[in-house]
Amino acid sequence: MSEEILINVTPRETRVALLDNGALEEIFIERAHRRGLVGNIYKGKVLRVLPGMQAAFVDVGLERSAFLHASDISRAVYNEGEPEPRGPADIRELLHEGDELLVQVLKDPLGTKGARLSTRIGIPSRYLVHVPGSERVSVSTRIDDADERERLAGLVTQFLESDTGGYIVRTAAEGVSHEAIRADMLFLRKLWELIAEQSRTAPPGTLVHEDLLLPVKMLRDFLDAQVEQVRVDSEAVYRRMADFAGTFLPELAGRIEFYDGARPIFDLYGIETEIQKALERKVELKSGGYLVIDQTEAMTTIDVNTGAYVGYRNLEQTVLKTNLEASQAIARQLRLRNLGGIIIIDFIDMQDPEHRQTVLETLERRLARDHARNKICAISPLGLVEMTRKRTRESLEHVLCQPCPTCGARGSIKTPETVCYEVFREILRQTRTFDIQELRVLASQDVIDLLLDEESESLAEIEGLIGKPIRLQVENLYNPESFDVVPV
């Protein structure tokens, strides 16, 4: 497996592409006016406590109040360092209006929702995540080797000092020396001391600690032995990344390259084309089948179709091959489009239970490489797969697009025929309400053409019914659904 990281930097936007064997797997976009907030630590102030929702709204200085649920509150913080009790707690026992507290962003603001917060602070470095207020040492479940898990947990426990908090060992720590683990712990401990000191004097609504810029964050979270090269087209960003890698990843620093070619780096690898395809509803499969992906407020639905693929043996084999190819494509599309929340996949119906299990296992295997946590349920009798994928940032469509001003995000517009009949009703409404001598209809070219052609008899009938002349006028700036009926 060959992985690459490509970074395109412009004055107001940074884009990072993760490639696997030359194919785009994931895209990250950070804009100057809308930087991601996940990982940032704020000094907040409780505005409202909502017992019915077991949550609170907290002012952290953002445009919208942030949301803090009771399940995301570390109760040890409010019990003078005592071990955190188990079981649910009433939000009114934990928070009161006006309370000041240190919080970290778990999820960026999404749509009309504010950021999601937690009082369980986690400060990541290359190999560890420091969790102040905790006493636990845990190891990433992605590290499978039992001996290596035991070694890493033992190293962290060995260097652990009293009252310094707990640690989570990240996947990148697999095979790392004890000196590197020790250095990471010392760095995180010092960083937490600085954050804690600043939080004591900072007023509510203050950003106490900001996570790394996107290019450097990508090095921290994704650069490992499997990444063959990192190419960045900004010399200033390259120097910053090289400095970071030289300090924290010296063995991999040589893989970072400055790209100064005349051709844009994303064009060179065909990334721009892949991004455009990721904004379309339809995803073509190599066999001739296709997917249809629809995002809604409640969930994302993915429909699998055989399309032009007719198979070569029998129907069941045709369906199996299409569903297997779709499973791989779906896993890639979830990452590429950054789809999160509830996802429903409508596979083509399979009669053979073994075929169903094979398709499900293929989907699970492909999603095992996904950095976002996901959970997949068994295929239902209707052939549907229900799954969830953790949503921490906006989907690619929501970052790059806005609702269509013509259709209002419905995904369809009224036909010219429908608009014509609305025009007729509006003419009758106005003539019955006002004393009118003449009417003028202003509409798009398609609507006017239909009124002059197929609906000309209907227009003449309306004109005879009201006894008033009706004039037609094309307005090229009107969208296909817009029209005006104006008294003259």
Protein backbone atom coordinates (compact mmCIF):
# COMPACT_ATOMS: atom_id res chain seq x y z
CA MET A 1 0.00 0.00 0.00
CA SER A 2 1.45 3.35 -1.10
CA GLU A 3 0.13 6.55 0.50
CA GLU A 4 0.82 10.18 -0.35
CA ILE A 5 -0.22 13.51 1.13
CA LEU A 6 -0.64 16.51 -1.21
CA ILE A 7 -1.05 20.04 0.16
CA ASN A 8 -2.31 22.96 -1.93
CA VAL A 9 -2.01 26.40 -0.30
CA THR A 10 -3.58 29.64 -1.49
CA PRO A 11 -3.80 32.91 0.49
CA ARG A 12 -7.22 32.17 2.03
CA GLU A 13 -7.56 28.40 1.68
CA THR A 14 -5.53 25.25 2.38
CA ARG A 15 -6.50 21.88 0.94
CA VAL A 16 -4.98 18.53 1.87
CA ALA A 17 -5.51 15.36 -0.18
CA LEU A 18 -4.79 11.84 1.10
CA LEU A 19 -3.99 9.40 -1.71
CA ASP A 20 -3.87 5.61 -1.54
CA ASN A 21 -2.13 4.00 -4.52
CA GLY A 22 -2.76 7.17 -6.52
CA ALA A 23 -6.51 7.32 -5.76
CA LEU A 24 -7.97 10.18 -3.73
CA GLU A 25 -9.31 8.81 -0.43
CA GLU A 26 -9.92 11.88 1.70
CA ILE A 27 -9.90 15.67 1.32
CA PHE A 28 -9.51 18.29 4.07
CA ILE A 29 -10.27 21.97 3.48
CA GLU A 30 -9.47 24.85 5.82
CA ARG A 31 -10.43 28.43 4.99
CA ALA A 32 -9.10 31.49 6.77
CA HIS A 33 -12.53 32.75 7.84
CA ARG A 34 -13.79 29.28 8.83
CA ARG A 35 -10.96 27.41 10.46
CA GLY A 36 -11.87 24.11 12.09
CA LEU A 37 -12.42 24.40 15.84
CA VAL A 38 -12.12 20.73 16.88
CA GLY A 39 -9.43 20.42 19.55
CA ASN A 40 -9.49 24.10 20.53
CA ILE A 41 -9.76 24.82 24.27
CA TYR A 42 -11.82 27.76 25.55
CA LYS A 43 -12.67 29.41 28.83
CA GLY A 44 -16.48 29.26 28.77
CA LYS A 45 -19.39 30.64 30.75
CA VAL A 46 -22.69 28.78 31.23
CA LEU A 47 -25.57 30.80 29.74
CA ARG A 48 -28.49 28.42 30.24
CA VAL A 49 -29.01 25.03 31.85
CA LEU A 50 -31.68 22.89 30.16
CA PRO A 51 -32.81 20.06 32.49
CA GLY A 52 -35.19 18.66 29.87
CA MET A 53 -32.29 18.11 27.46
CA GLN A 54 -29.72 17.36 30.17
CA ALA A 55 -27.49 19.97 28.54
CA ALA A 56 -26.30 23.55 28.76
CA PHE A 57 -25.53 26.38 26.38
CA VAL A 58 -22.07 27.81 26.92
CA ASP A 59 -20.59 31.09 25.67
CA VAL A 60 -17.05 30.49 24.40
CA GLY A 61 -16.82 33.63 22.28
CA LEU A 62 -18.10 32.10 19.03
CA GLU A 63 -20.89 33.38 16.78
CA ARG A 64 -23.35 30.83 18.22
CA SER A 65 -23.55 29.47 21.75
CA ALA A 66 -21.93 26.07 22.08
CA PHE A 67 -23.67 22.93 23.37
CA LEU A 68 -22.48 20.90 26.37
CA HIS A 69 -24.29 17.66 27.21
CA ALA A 70 -24.22 16.11 30.68
CA SER A 71 -22.53 13.00 29.29
CA ASP A 72 -19.58 15.17 28.17
CA ILE A 73 -18.98 16.66 31.60
CA SER A 74 -16.18 15.23 33.70
CA ARG A 75 -17.77 14.99 37.13
CA ALA A 76 -14.38 14.60 38.80
CA VAL A 77 -13.73 18.25 37.96
CA TYR A 78 -16.60 19.25 40.21
CA ASN A 79 -15.62 16.95 43.09
CA GLU A 80 -12.16 18.30 43.91
CA GLY A 81 -10.22 15.61 42.08
CA GLU A 82 -12.12 12.62 43.44
CA PRO A 83 -12.55 9.65 41.07
CA GLU A 84 -15.34 10.29 38.60
CA PRO A 85 -18.57 8.58 39.81
CA ARG A 86 -20.43 6.18 37.56
CA GLY A 87 -24.03 6.38 36.39
CA PRO A 88 -26.06 9.30 35.02
CA ALA A 89 -26.07 12.65 36.78
CA ASP A 90 -28.53 15.51 36.68
CA ILE A 91 -27.16 18.50 34.75
CA ARG A 92 -28.44 20.74 37.57
CA GLU A 93 -26.05 19.03 39.98
CA LEU A 94 -23.09 19.68 37.71
CA LEU A 95 -23.66 23.17 36.28
CA HIS A 96 -25.37 26.42 37.14
CA GLU A 97 -25.91 29.57 35.11
CA GLY A 98 -22.88 31.83 35.34
CA ASP A 99 -20.41 29.00 36.04
CA GLU A 100 -17.01 29.40 34.36
CA LEU A 101 -15.27 26.28 33.08
CA LEU A 102 -12.60 25.03 30.69
CA VAL A 103 -14.04 23.24 27.65
CA GLN A 104 -12.76 21.64 24.45
CA VAL A 105 -14.52 21.51 21.07
CA LEU A 106 -15.59 17.98 20.07
CA LYS A 107 -17.50 18.91 16.90
CA ASP A 108 -17.40 21.97 14.67
CA PRO A 109 -20.60 24.02 14.28
CA LEU A 110 -22.75 22.15 11.74
CA GLY A 111 -25.50 23.97 9.87
CA THR A 112 -27.55 25.90 12.42
CA LYS A 113 -26.08 23.99 15.38
CA GLY A 114 -23.37 25.41 17.60
CA ALA A 115 -20.15 23.62 18.45
CA ARG A 116 -20.30 20.50 20.66
CA LEU A 117 -18.17 20.78 23.82
CA SER A 118 -16.67 18.57 26.49
CA THR A 119 -14.99 19.29 29.81
CA ARG A 120 -12.88 16.15 29.33
CA ILE A 121 -9.82 17.83 27.89
CA GLY A 122 -7.59 15.80 25.55
CA ILE A 123 -4.31 17.29 24.29
CA PRO A 124 -2.81 15.29 21.41
CA SER A 125 0.81 14.98 20.40
CA ARG A 126 2.42 12.64 17.90
CA TYR A 127 2.22 9.46 20.00
CA LEU A 128 -0.01 10.29 22.97
CA VAL A 129 -3.11 12.14 24.07
CA HIS A 130 -2.83 13.72 27.52
CA VAL A 131 -6.09 13.62 29.53
CA PRO A 132 -5.83 15.93 32.57
CA GLY A 133 -8.07 14.90 35.46
CA SER A 134 -7.99 11.21 34.46
CA GLU A 135 -5.98 8.43 36.05
CA ARG A 136 -6.22 5.91 33.22
CA VAL A 137 -3.63 4.74 30.71
CA SER A 138 -5.21 3.19 27.61
CA VAL A 139 -3.91 2.04 24.24
CA SER A 140 -5.50 2.54 20.82
CA THR A 141 -7.59 -0.45 19.76
CA ARG A 142 -5.98 -0.22 16.30
CA ILE A 143 -2.80 -1.68 17.80
CA ASP A 144 -3.58 -5.40 17.57
CA ASP A 145 -0.41 -6.98 18.95
CA ALA A 146 -1.01 -7.85 22.62
CA ASP A 147 2.71 -7.70 23.55
CA GLU A 148 3.10 -4.28 21.96
CA ARG A 149 0.01 -2.97 23.76
CA GLU A 150 1.41 -4.22 27.06
CA ARG A 151 4.84 -2.67 26.33
CA LEU A 152 3.39 0.75 25.50
CA ALA A 153 1.04 0.79 28.50
CA GLY A 154 3.98 -0.20 30.71
CA LEU A 155 6.19 2.60 29.36
CA VAL A 156 3.57 5.27 29.97
CA THR A 157 2.81 3.92 33.44
CA GLN A 158 6.53 3.85 34.24
CA PHE A 159 6.96 7.54 33.39
CA LEU A 160 3.66 8.58 34.94
CA GLU A 161 3.87 11.01 37.84
CA SER A 162 1.19 11.55 40.46
CA ASP A 163 -1.51 14.16 39.84
CA THR A 164 -0.47 14.66 36.21
CA GLY A 165 -3.49 13.02 34.55
CA GLY A 166 -3.96 10.05 32.26
CA TYR A 167 -2.80 9.19 28.76
CA ILE A 168 -4.10 7.51 25.62
CA VAL A 169 -1.46 5.84 23.45
CA ARG A 170 -2.12 6.61 19.79
CA THR A 171 -1.75 4.18 16.88
CA ALA A 172 1.35 6.02 15.66
CA ALA A 173 3.20 4.92 18.82
CA GLU A 174 3.41 1.30 17.67
CA GLY A 175 7.08 0.25 17.70
CA VAL A 176 8.30 3.63 19.02
CA SER A 177 11.21 3.78 21.48
CA HIS A 178 10.83 4.59 25.16
CA GLU A 179 12.83 7.83 24.64
CA ALA A 180 10.22 9.12 22.15
CA ILE A 181 7.35 8.23 24.50
CA ARG A 182 9.11 9.95 27.40
CA ALA A 183 9.76 13.10 25.29
CA ASP A 184 6.09 13.22 24.26
CA MET A 185 4.94 12.96 27.87
CA LEU A 186 7.25 15.78 28.99
CA PHE A 187 6.06 18.00 26.12
CA LEU A 188 2.37 17.37 26.89
CA ARG A 189 2.86 17.92 30.60
CA LYS A 190 4.53 21.29 30.01
CA LEU A 191 1.84 22.30 27.48
CA TRP A 192 -0.94 21.46 29.95
CA GLU A 193 0.76 23.54 32.67
CA LEU A 194 0.76 26.54 30.31
CA ILE A 195 -2.91 25.99 29.37
CA ALA A 196 -3.97 25.60 33.02
CA GLU A 197 -2.07 28.75 34.02
CA GLN A 198 -3.61 30.82 31.24
CA SER A 199 -7.12 29.53 31.96
CA ARG A 200 -6.95 30.74 35.57
CA THR A 201 -6.61 34.40 34.54
CA ALA A 202 -8.44 34.41 31.17
CA PRO A 203 -11.94 35.96 31.02
CA PRO A 204 -14.86 33.84 29.73
CA GLY A 205 -15.05 33.62 25.95
CA THR A 206 -11.26 33.39 25.55
CA LEU A 207 -9.47 30.93 23.27
CA VAL A 208 -6.95 29.37 25.65
CA HIS A 209 -5.32 26.88 23.27
CA GLU A 210 -5.63 26.58 19.50
CA ASP A 211 -4.91 23.36 17.67
CA LEU A 212 -2.24 23.24 14.95
CA LEU A 213 -2.76 24.61 11.45
CA LEU A 214 -4.10 22.01 9.02
CA PRO A 215 -0.81 21.13 7.21
CA VAL A 216 1.10 20.58 10.47
CA LYS A 217 -1.85 18.74 12.01
CA MET A 218 -1.80 16.35 9.05
CA LEU A 219 1.83 15.53 9.78
CA ARG A 220 1.04 14.88 13.42
CA ASP A 221 -1.98 12.68 12.71
CA PHE A 222 -1.22 10.95 9.41
CA LEU A 223 2.50 10.87 8.64
CA ASP A 224 3.81 7.38 9.28
CA ALA A 225 5.95 4.72 7.61
CA GLN A 226 3.20 3.96 5.04
CA VAL A 227 3.27 7.54 3.67
CA GLU A 228 5.89 7.63 0.92
CA GLN A 229 5.90 11.39 0.40
CA VAL A 230 4.30 14.66 1.40
CA ARG A 231 4.28 17.36 -1.30
CA VAL A 232 3.34 20.97 -0.56
CA ASP A 233 3.24 23.86 -3.05
CA SER A 234 3.95 26.69 -0.58
CA GLU A 235 7.55 27.34 0.46
CA ALA A 236 6.53 29.07 3.71
CA VAL A 237 4.27 26.18 4.74
CA TYR A 238 6.96 23.70 3.66
CA ARG A 239 9.48 25.33 6.02
CA ARG A 240 7.00 25.23 8.90
CA MET A 241 6.23 21.57 8.25
CA ALA A 242 9.94 20.72 7.91
CA ASP A 243 10.67 22.40 11.27
CA PHE A 244 7.86 20.45 12.95
CA ALA A 245 8.97 17.16 11.41
CA GLY A 246 12.59 17.82 12.29
CA THR A 247 11.61 18.20 15.94
CA PHE A 248 8.98 15.51 16.33
CA LEU A 249 9.42 13.17 13.34
CA PRO A 250 13.11 13.30 12.39
CA GLU A 251 13.07 9.83 10.83
CA LEU A 252 10.32 10.90 8.39
CA ALA A 253 11.33 14.53 7.77
CA GLY A 254 13.05 13.61 4.48
CA ARG A 255 9.73 12.59 2.92
CA ILE A 256 8.42 16.18 2.91
CA GLU A 257 9.01 17.91 -0.43
CA PHE A 258 8.43 21.41 -1.74
CA TYR A 259 6.62 21.30 -5.10
CA ASP A 260 7.45 24.25 -7.37
CA GLY A 261 6.23 22.90 -10.71
CA ALA A 262 4.39 25.13 -13.19
CA ARG A 263 1.34 22.89 -13.25
CA PRO A 264 -0.92 23.12 -10.12
CA ILE A 265 -0.24 20.16 -7.86
CA PHE A 266 -3.90 19.08 -7.66
CA ASP A 267 -4.17 19.16 -11.46
CA LEU A 268 -1.05 17.02 -11.73
CA TYR A 269 -2.73 14.23 -9.75
CA GLY A 270 -6.27 14.73 -11.10
CA ILE A 271 -7.58 15.82 -7.69
CA GLU A 272 -9.72 18.68 -9.01
CA THR A 273 -11.69 16.26 -11.20
CA GLU A 274 -12.21 13.88 -8.28
CA ILE A 275 -13.51 16.72 -6.08
CA GLN A 276 -16.05 17.69 -8.76
CA LYS A 277 -17.21 14.07 -9.03
CA ALA A 278 -17.59 13.91 -5.23
CA LEU A 279 -20.20 16.68 -5.43
CA GLU A 280 -22.45 14.71 -7.80
CA ARG A 281 -25.31 12.46 -6.70
CA LYS A 282 -24.40 9.64 -9.06
CA VAL A 283 -21.23 7.57 -8.70
CA GLU A 284 -20.39 5.32 -11.64
CA LEU A 285 -18.97 1.84 -10.94
CA LYS A 286 -16.48 0.19 -13.29
CA SER A 287 -18.83 -2.73 -13.96
CA GLY A 288 -21.55 -0.41 -15.28
CA GLY A 289 -23.54 -0.22 -12.05
CA TYR A 290 -23.84 3.00 -10.08
CA LEU A 291 -24.60 4.55 -6.67
CA VAL A 292 -27.00 7.39 -5.93
CA ILE A 293 -26.06 9.36 -2.80
CA ASP A 294 -28.50 11.79 -1.18
CA GLN A 295 -27.78 13.89 1.91
CA THR A 296 -30.71 15.05 4.03
CA GLU A 297 -30.97 16.75 7.41
CA ALA A 298 -31.75 13.46 9.16
CA MET A 299 -29.54 10.97 7.32
CA THR A 300 -27.64 10.06 4.17
CA THR A 301 -29.07 7.41 1.84
CA ILE A 302 -27.07 5.39 -0.69
CA ASP A 303 -28.88 3.38 -3.37
CA VAL A 304 -27.04 0.64 -5.30
CA ASN A 305 -28.12 -0.15 -8.88
CA THR A 306 -26.89 -2.64 -11.50
CA GLY A 307 -27.29 -0.07 -14.27
CA ALA A 308 -25.75 -1.27 -17.53
CA TYR A 309 -24.12 -4.31 -15.91
CA VAL A 310 -25.90 -7.48 -17.08
CA GLY A 311 -23.47 -10.10 -15.72
CA TYR A 312 -22.22 -13.27 -17.31
CA ARG A 313 -23.65 -16.19 -15.27
CA ASN A 314 -26.92 -15.64 -13.44
CA LEU A 315 -28.84 -12.94 -11.63
CA GLU A 316 -27.52 -13.80 -8.15
CA GLN A 317 -23.89 -13.61 -9.33
CA THR A 318 -24.60 -10.32 -11.09
CA VAL A 319 -26.11 -8.86 -7.91
CA LEU A 320 -23.24 -10.15 -5.76
CA LYS A 321 -20.56 -8.67 -8.02
CA THR A 322 -22.35 -5.30 -8.13
CA ASN A 323 -22.83 -5.20 -4.35
CA LEU A 324 -19.19 -6.13 -3.69
CA GLU A 325 -17.95 -3.39 -6.00
CA ALA A 326 -20.45 -0.99 -4.42
CA SER A 327 -19.18 -1.84 -0.90
CA GLN A 328 -15.68 -0.74 -1.82
CA ALA A 329 -16.91 2.39 -3.57
CA ILE A 330 -19.19 3.32 -0.64
CA ALA A 331 -16.35 3.06 1.88
CA ARG A 332 -14.29 5.44 -0.26
CA GLN A 333 -17.16 7.87 -0.84
CA LEU A 334 -17.93 8.12 2.89
CA ARG A 335 -14.37 9.27 3.53
CA LEU A 336 -14.06 11.41 0.41
CA ARG A 337 -17.36 13.25 0.98
CA ASN A 338 -16.92 13.14 4.77
CA LEU A 339 -20.45 11.85 5.29
CA GLY A 340 -21.44 11.41 8.92
CA GLY A 341 -24.39 10.66 11.19
CA ILE A 342 -26.92 8.00 10.21
CA ILE A 343 -26.28 6.34 6.83
CA ILE A 344 -28.68 3.91 5.13
CA ILE A 345 -27.34 1.74 2.29
CA ASP A 346 -29.86 0.05 -0.02
CA PHE A 347 -27.95 -2.87 -1.53
CA ILE A 348 -29.54 -4.87 -4.33
CA ASP A 349 -31.54 -7.74 -2.78
CA MET A 350 -29.56 -10.96 -2.33
CA GLN A 351 -31.21 -14.30 -1.68
CA ASP A 352 -28.12 -16.19 -0.52
CA PRO A 353 -27.24 -15.51 3.18
CA GLU A 354 -23.56 -16.19 2.43
CA HIS A 355 -23.58 -13.49 -0.22
CA ARG A 356 -25.10 -11.01 2.24
CA GLN A 357 -22.41 -11.80 4.78
CA THR A 358 -19.66 -11.47 2.17
CA VAL A 359 -20.89 -8.01 1.15
CA LEU A 360 -21.13 -6.87 4.77
CA GLU A 361 -17.64 -8.15 5.59
CA THR A 362 -16.25 -6.37 2.53
CA LEU A 363 -17.81 -3.10 3.68
CA GLU A 364 -16.49 -3.57 7.23
CA ARG A 365 -13.00 -4.41 5.98
CA ARG A 366 -12.83 -1.32 3.79
CA LEU A 367 -14.16 0.91 6.57
CA ALA A 368 -11.59 -0.47 9.02
CA ARG A 369 -9.08 1.96 7.48
CA ASP A 370 -11.39 4.92 8.07
CA HIS A 371 -10.08 7.41 10.62
CA ALA A 372 -13.62 8.30 11.72
CA ARG A 373 -15.29 5.89 14.14
CA ASN A 374 -18.14 3.93 12.57
CA LYS A 375 -20.62 1.23 13.50
CA ILE A 376 -22.34 -1.12 11.02
CA CYS A 377 -25.49 -3.18 11.61
CA ALA A 378 -26.37 -6.44 9.83
CA ILE A 379 -28.22 -6.38 6.51
CA SER A 380 -31.95 -6.21 7.18
CA PRO A 381 -34.53 -8.47 5.46
CA LEU A 382 -35.18 -5.56 3.07
CA GLY A 383 -31.52 -5.52 2.04
CA LEU A 384 -30.75 -2.30 3.95
CA VAL A 385 -27.61 -1.67 5.96
CA GLU A 386 -27.85 0.83 8.79
CA MET A 387 -24.62 2.42 9.96
CA THR A 388 -23.29 5.47 11.72
CA ARG A 389 -20.09 7.41 11.10
CA LYS A 390 -18.79 9.96 13.55
CA ARG A 391 -19.34 13.50 12.32
CA THR A 392 -16.77 16.04 13.55
CA ARG A 393 -16.75 18.49 10.63
CA GLU A 394 -18.95 19.59 7.75
CA SER A 395 -19.32 17.30 4.75
CA LEU A 396 -17.51 18.21 1.53
CA GLU A 397 -20.79 19.34 -0.05
CA HIS A 398 -21.61 21.66 2.85
CA VAL A 399 -18.10 23.16 2.77
CA LEU A 400 -18.02 23.82 -0.98
CA CYS A 401 -21.69 24.38 -1.85
CA GLN A 402 -24.78 26.28 -0.73
CA PRO A 403 -28.49 25.58 -1.24
CA CYS A 404 -29.70 26.26 -4.79
CA PRO A 405 -31.43 29.67 -4.86
CA THR A 406 -33.77 28.46 -7.62
CA CYS A 407 -35.10 25.24 -6.12
CA GLY A 408 -34.45 26.08 -2.45
CA ALA A 409 -32.41 22.87 -2.00
CA ARG A 410 -35.35 20.67 -3.07
CA GLY A 411 -33.29 19.20 -5.88
CA SER A 412 -36.00 19.91 -8.48
CA ILE A 413 -37.88 22.86 -9.97
CA LYS A 414 -41.42 23.33 -11.23
CA THR A 415 -42.07 22.60 -14.88
CA PRO A 416 -42.98 25.50 -17.21
CA GLU A 417 -46.47 23.96 -17.47
CA THR A 418 -46.92 24.18 -13.67
CA VAL A 419 -45.78 27.80 -13.69
CA CYS A 420 -48.23 28.60 -16.54
CA TYR A 421 -51.17 27.34 -14.48
CA GLU A 422 -49.96 29.38 -11.49
CA VAL A 423 -49.94 32.42 -13.80
CA PHE A 424 -53.56 31.72 -14.82
CA ARG A 425 -54.65 31.48 -11.18
CA GLU A 426 -52.86 34.71 -10.30
CA ILE A 427 -54.55 36.52 -13.23
CA LEU A 428 -57.99 35.42 -12.02
CA ARG A 429 -57.11 36.35 -8.42
CA GLN A 430 -56.05 39.88 -9.36
CA THR A 431 -58.99 40.63 -11.68
CA ARG A 432 -61.43 39.59 -8.93
CA THR A 433 -59.69 41.75 -6.35
CA PHE A 434 -58.68 44.91 -8.23
CA ASP A 435 -60.13 47.16 -10.94
CA ILE A 436 -57.69 46.43 -13.77
CA GLN A 437 -57.65 47.67 -17.35
CA GLU A 438 -54.80 45.51 -18.66
CA LEU A 439 -52.36 42.89 -17.31
CA ARG A 440 -48.75 42.14 -18.14
CA VAL A 441 -47.17 38.76 -17.38
CA LEU A 442 -43.40 38.77 -16.73
CA ALA A 443 -41.72 35.35 -16.72
CA SER A 444 -38.75 33.33 -17.97
CA GLN A 445 -38.29 32.48 -21.66
CA ASP A 446 -39.54 28.88 -21.29
CA VAL A 447 -42.78 29.95 -19.59
CA ILE A 448 -43.51 32.70 -22.14
CA ASP A 449 -42.79 30.30 -25.01
CA LEU A 450 -45.26 27.79 -23.57
CA LEU A 451 -47.94 30.49 -23.14
CA LEU A 452 -47.52 31.50 -26.79
CA ASP A 453 -47.52 27.93 -28.08
CA GLU A 454 -49.21 24.97 -26.34
CA GLU A 455 -51.10 27.12 -23.81
CA SER A 456 -52.13 29.86 -26.26
CA GLU A 457 -55.73 28.61 -26.38
CA SER A 458 -55.90 28.56 -22.57
CA LEU A 459 -54.49 32.07 -22.45
CA ALA A 460 -57.10 33.26 -24.96
CA GLU A 461 -59.83 31.59 -22.89
CA ILE A 462 -58.62 33.37 -19.73
CA GLU A 463 -58.46 36.66 -21.64
CA GLY A 464 -62.07 36.23 -22.81
CA LEU A 465 -63.18 35.25 -19.32
CA ILE A 466 -61.82 38.39 -17.64
CA GLY A 467 -62.51 40.70 -20.59
CA LYS A 468 -59.10 42.35 -20.29
CA PRO A 469 -56.04 42.19 -22.58
CA ILE A 470 -52.99 40.21 -21.36
CA ARG A 471 -49.50 41.13 -22.55
CA LEU A 472 -46.46 38.81 -22.22
CA GLN A 473 -42.89 39.89 -21.51
CA VAL A 474 -39.72 37.79 -21.21
CA GLU A 475 -37.49 38.55 -18.22
CA ASN A 476 -34.13 36.84 -18.75
CA LEU A 477 -33.05 37.41 -15.14
CA TYR A 478 -36.06 35.51 -13.72
CA ASN A 479 -35.43 31.95 -12.59
CA PRO A 480 -37.71 29.26 -14.15
CA GLU A 481 -40.17 29.37 -11.22
CA SER A 482 -40.47 33.16 -10.92
CA PHE A 483 -43.17 35.30 -12.53
CA ASP A 484 -45.08 38.52 -11.95
CA VAL A 485 -48.59 39.56 -13.02
CA VAL A 486 -48.54 43.38 -13.15
CA PRO A 487 -51.53 45.71 -13.70
CA VAL A 488 -50.82 48.27 -16.45
